Amino acid sequence: MTGRDIGRVPHRYVLPFRASPEVLCSLRRAVRAELRPWGLAGSADRAELVVTELATNVVKHVGAGSAATLVLELQAARIRVEIHDTSCKVPVLAEAGFASESGRGLHLLAAMARDWGSIVTVSGKAVWCELPLMSDGVCARIQRAYAVLSEYRELAGSAVVPLISHPQAQGEAATSLIADLLHWLTAQGSDPDDILDRAQQIYETELDSAA
């Protein structure tokens, strides 16, 4: 399985796969690996669970080995998850009793998602859901930080700032950027310690508000 970006959209990930119980673990790893550089590792658990449920439904209702596609996209303060398959039969949220052996996946999806649904496509259908992130303000900060770090790596060069696809590399890139900012603030006559204290206060205030 290999993912690919479509149309150079910064936060869109497309991964074709063959539906089977064995592929579920690979899908979960792919989701976590993709959300991490987006700055959304904290949302990976919910996204993994949703993808597992949707892919399992493809195996059950379309058939093992059938062609399917996972799409992840960051939209404002939410993650949109889509699973495309080759069946035109759309899922229906039926009442799932205590003894029900099926139908629980959609109830779980409805409980976790801000919104969800399905659409008929040219080749079958897509079942989608939108997972809420943090507050709009915090989410916007994360997206800006990702964009700045990505651009910063191009300016500083890969020898200075590694690819920001792993936690250690992200920390190194952020540390290098902060060091540059401290030098710039000093050159402008500002007190770096004062700026760091104010930034910490803003971070802690917004973190408390998002809790």
Protein backbone atom coordinates (compact mmCIF):
# COMPACT_ATOMS: atom_id res chain seq x y z
CA MET A 1 0.00 0.00 0.00
CA THR A 2 1.32 3.42 -0.86
CA GLY A 3 -0.34 6.76 -0.19
CA ARG A 4 -0.24 9.73 -2.49
CA ASP A 5 -1.13 13.38 -2.28
CA ILE A 6 -3.71 14.65 -4.76
CA GLY A 7 -3.27 18.01 -6.45
CA ARG A 8 -0.57 19.03 -3.95
CA VAL A 9 -3.16 19.70 -1.26
CA PRO A 10 -1.12 20.00 1.99
CA HIS A 11 -3.45 18.02 4.21
CA ARG A 12 -4.99 15.38 1.96
CA TYR A 13 -3.92 11.75 1.92
CA VAL A 14 -5.20 9.04 -0.43
CA LEU A 15 -4.42 5.34 0.04
CA PRO A 16 -5.83 2.60 -2.22
CA PHE A 17 -5.99 -0.86 -0.62
CA ARG A 18 -7.55 -4.31 -0.91
CA ALA A 19 -10.09 -4.90 1.84
CA SER A 20 -9.18 -7.76 4.16
CA PRO A 21 -8.84 -8.38 7.91
CA GLU A 22 -5.07 -8.54 7.44
CA VAL A 23 -4.84 -5.02 6.02
CA LEU A 24 -6.49 -3.32 9.03
CA CYS A 25 -3.26 -3.07 11.00
CA SER A 26 -1.50 -1.46 8.03
CA LEU A 27 -4.33 1.05 7.66
CA ARG A 28 -4.08 2.03 11.33
CA ARG A 29 -0.33 2.53 11.02
CA ALA A 30 -0.82 4.62 7.88
CA VAL A 31 -3.38 6.86 9.61
CA ARG A 32 -1.13 7.46 12.60
CA ALA A 33 1.93 8.07 10.43
CA GLU A 34 0.05 10.61 8.30
CA LEU A 35 -1.59 12.57 11.13
CA ARG A 36 1.66 12.93 13.09
CA PRO A 37 3.37 15.38 10.70
CA TRP A 38 0.08 17.27 10.43
CA GLY A 39 0.44 17.98 14.16
CA LEU A 40 -2.61 15.84 14.95
CA ALA A 41 -1.13 12.80 16.69
CA GLY A 42 -3.62 13.37 19.53
CA SER A 43 -6.48 12.63 17.13
CA ALA A 44 -4.94 9.43 15.77
CA ASP A 45 -6.69 7.02 18.16
CA ARG A 46 -10.18 8.12 17.10
CA ALA A 47 -9.22 8.25 13.43
CA GLU A 48 -7.71 4.76 13.60
CA LEU A 49 -10.86 3.39 15.22
CA VAL A 50 -13.12 4.96 12.61
CA VAL A 51 -10.99 3.71 9.72
CA THR A 52 -10.97 0.21 11.23
CA GLU A 53 -14.76 0.16 11.50
CA LEU A 54 -15.31 1.48 7.97
CA ALA A 55 -12.77 -0.89 6.42
CA THR A 56 -14.25 -3.82 8.35
CA ASN A 57 -17.65 -2.96 6.91
CA VAL A 58 -16.16 -3.16 3.41
CA VAL A 59 -14.83 -6.64 4.16
CA LYS A 60 -18.20 -7.77 5.57
CA HIS A 61 -20.57 -6.20 3.07
CA VAL A 62 -18.56 -5.85 -0.15
CA GLY A 63 -16.17 -8.76 0.18
CA ALA A 64 -12.62 -9.62 1.12
CA GLY A 65 -10.19 -8.62 -1.58
CA SER A 66 -12.42 -5.90 -3.00
CA ALA A 67 -10.83 -2.63 -4.07
CA ALA A 68 -11.20 0.29 -1.66
CA THR A 69 -9.60 3.65 -0.97
CA LEU A 70 -8.94 5.56 2.23
CA VAL A 71 -9.03 9.37 2.11
CA LEU A 72 -7.96 11.63 4.98
CA GLU A 73 -8.39 15.37 4.73
CA LEU A 74 -7.98 18.19 7.21
CA GLN A 75 -10.83 20.69 6.91
CA ALA A 76 -10.90 23.67 9.30
CA ALA A 77 -11.27 22.18 12.81
CA ARG A 78 -12.05 18.62 11.77
CA ILE A 79 -10.61 15.57 10.06
CA ARG A 80 -12.70 14.11 7.26
CA VAL A 81 -12.31 10.36 6.83
CA GLU A 82 -13.67 8.61 3.74
CA ILE A 83 -13.64 4.98 2.67
CA HIS A 84 -14.54 4.39 -0.99
CA ASP A 85 -15.59 0.95 -2.24
CA THR A 86 -17.17 -0.63 -5.32
CA SER A 87 -20.66 -1.29 -3.92
CA CYS A 88 -23.56 1.11 -4.50
CA LYS A 89 -25.43 -0.19 -1.43
CA VAL A 90 -25.28 2.54 1.22
CA PRO A 91 -25.21 1.69 4.94
CA VAL A 92 -28.28 2.23 7.12
CA LEU A 93 -28.10 3.04 10.83
CA ALA A 94 -30.45 0.44 12.30
CA GLU A 95 -31.20 -0.15 15.96
CA ALA A 96 -28.55 -2.39 17.47
CA GLY A 97 -29.79 -4.33 20.46
CA PHE A 98 -27.66 -5.77 23.25
CA ALA A 99 -27.46 -9.15 21.48
CA SER A 100 -26.87 -7.77 17.99
CA GLU A 101 -23.85 -9.22 16.22
CA SER A 102 -23.66 -6.48 13.58
CA GLY A 103 -24.56 -2.85 13.12
CA ARG A 104 -22.57 -1.62 16.10
CA GLY A 105 -19.87 -0.08 13.93
CA LEU A 106 -22.18 2.60 12.52
CA HIS A 107 -23.49 3.43 15.99
CA LEU A 108 -19.91 3.88 17.17
CA LEU A 109 -19.22 6.03 14.14
CA ALA A 110 -22.26 8.21 14.82
CA ALA A 111 -21.25 8.62 18.47
CA MET A 112 -17.68 9.66 17.71
CA ALA A 113 -18.19 11.83 14.63
CA ARG A 114 -19.38 15.41 14.34
CA ASP A 115 -21.24 14.28 11.23
CA TRP A 116 -21.24 11.27 8.91
CA GLY A 117 -22.98 9.91 5.85
CA SER A 118 -22.51 8.21 2.50
CA ILE A 119 -22.62 9.20 -1.15
CA VAL A 120 -22.98 7.16 -4.32
CA THR A 121 -20.00 7.57 -6.64
CA VAL A 122 -19.28 6.63 -10.24
CA SER A 123 -17.56 3.44 -9.14
CA GLY A 124 -19.60 2.60 -6.02
CA LYS A 125 -19.97 4.63 -2.85
CA ALA A 126 -18.06 6.53 -0.21
CA VAL A 127 -18.84 6.43 3.51
CA TRP A 128 -17.48 9.49 5.28
CA CYS A 129 -17.32 11.02 8.72
CA GLU A 130 -15.90 14.20 10.22
CA LEU A 131 -14.04 13.99 13.52
CA PRO A 132 -13.88 17.16 15.62
CA LEU A 133 -10.48 18.42 16.68
CA MET A 134 -9.69 20.95 19.36
CA SER A 135 -11.03 24.48 19.44
CA ASP A 136 -10.84 26.36 16.16
CA GLY A 137 -8.16 28.67 17.54
CA VAL A 138 -5.87 25.88 18.73
CA CYS A 139 -6.38 23.90 15.53
CA ALA A 140 -5.50 27.00 13.50
CA ARG A 141 -2.29 27.41 15.50
CA ILE A 142 -1.32 23.79 14.82
CA GLN A 143 -1.94 24.18 11.10
CA ARG A 144 0.08 27.42 10.98
CA ALA A 145 2.94 25.78 12.88
CA TYR A 146 2.98 22.86 10.45
CA ALA A 147 3.02 25.22 7.46
CA VAL A 148 5.80 27.36 8.98
CA LEU A 149 7.96 24.34 9.87
CA SER A 150 7.53 22.90 6.40
CA GLU A 151 8.58 26.19 4.84
CA TYR A 152 11.37 26.65 7.38
CA ARG A 153 12.93 23.34 6.40
CA GLU A 154 13.14 24.53 2.80
CA LEU A 155 14.80 27.80 3.90
CA ALA A 156 17.23 26.21 6.37
CA GLY A 157 18.07 23.21 4.21
CA SER A 158 17.64 19.53 4.94
CA ALA A 159 21.12 19.33 6.48
CA VAL A 160 19.98 21.67 9.25
CA VAL A 161 16.32 20.68 9.65
CA PRO A 162 15.37 17.03 9.02
CA LEU A 163 12.08 15.86 7.56
CA ILE A 164 9.35 16.60 10.13
CA SER A 165 7.72 13.20 9.93
CA HIS A 166 8.75 11.85 13.34
CA PRO A 167 8.43 13.29 16.88
CA GLN A 168 12.21 13.67 17.36
CA ALA A 169 12.60 15.41 14.00
CA GLN A 170 9.64 17.68 14.77
CA GLY A 171 11.29 18.69 18.04
CA GLU A 172 14.61 19.40 16.32
CA ALA A 173 12.92 21.51 13.64
CA ALA A 174 10.90 23.49 16.20
CA THR A 175 13.98 24.04 18.39
CA SER A 176 15.97 25.34 15.45
CA LEU A 177 13.17 27.71 14.46
CA ILE A 178 12.75 28.99 18.02
CA ALA A 179 16.51 29.60 18.27
CA ASP A 180 16.39 31.64 15.06
CA LEU A 181 13.46 33.65 16.42
CA LEU A 182 15.33 34.35 19.67
CA HIS A 183 18.31 35.67 17.71
CA TRP A 184 15.99 37.83 15.61
CA LEU A 185 14.21 39.21 18.69
CA THR A 186 17.55 40.09 20.29
CA ALA A 187 18.63 41.89 17.11
CA GLN A 188 15.39 43.88 17.24
CA GLY A 189 16.07 44.95 20.83
CA SER A 190 13.40 42.71 22.43
CA ASP A 191 13.87 40.58 25.52
CA PRO A 192 13.73 36.89 24.44
CA ASP A 193 12.94 35.72 27.98
CA ASP A 194 9.94 38.03 28.14
CA ILE A 195 8.66 36.76 24.79
CA LEU A 196 9.09 33.14 25.87
CA ASP A 197 7.23 33.80 29.13
CA ARG A 198 4.34 35.46 27.28
CA ALA A 199 4.17 32.63 24.75
CA GLN A 200 4.10 30.07 27.58
CA GLN A 201 1.26 31.94 29.26
CA ILE A 202 -0.78 32.01 26.05
CA TYR A 203 -0.14 28.30 25.47
CA GLU A 204 -1.18 27.32 29.00
CA THR A 205 -4.30 29.50 28.86
CA GLU A 206 -5.43 27.99 25.55
CA LEU A 207 -4.56 24.50 26.75
CA ASP A 208 -6.76 24.96 29.83
CA SER A 209 -9.60 26.31 27.68
CA ALA A 210 -9.41 23.30 25.35
CA ALA A 211 -9.45 20.77 28.20
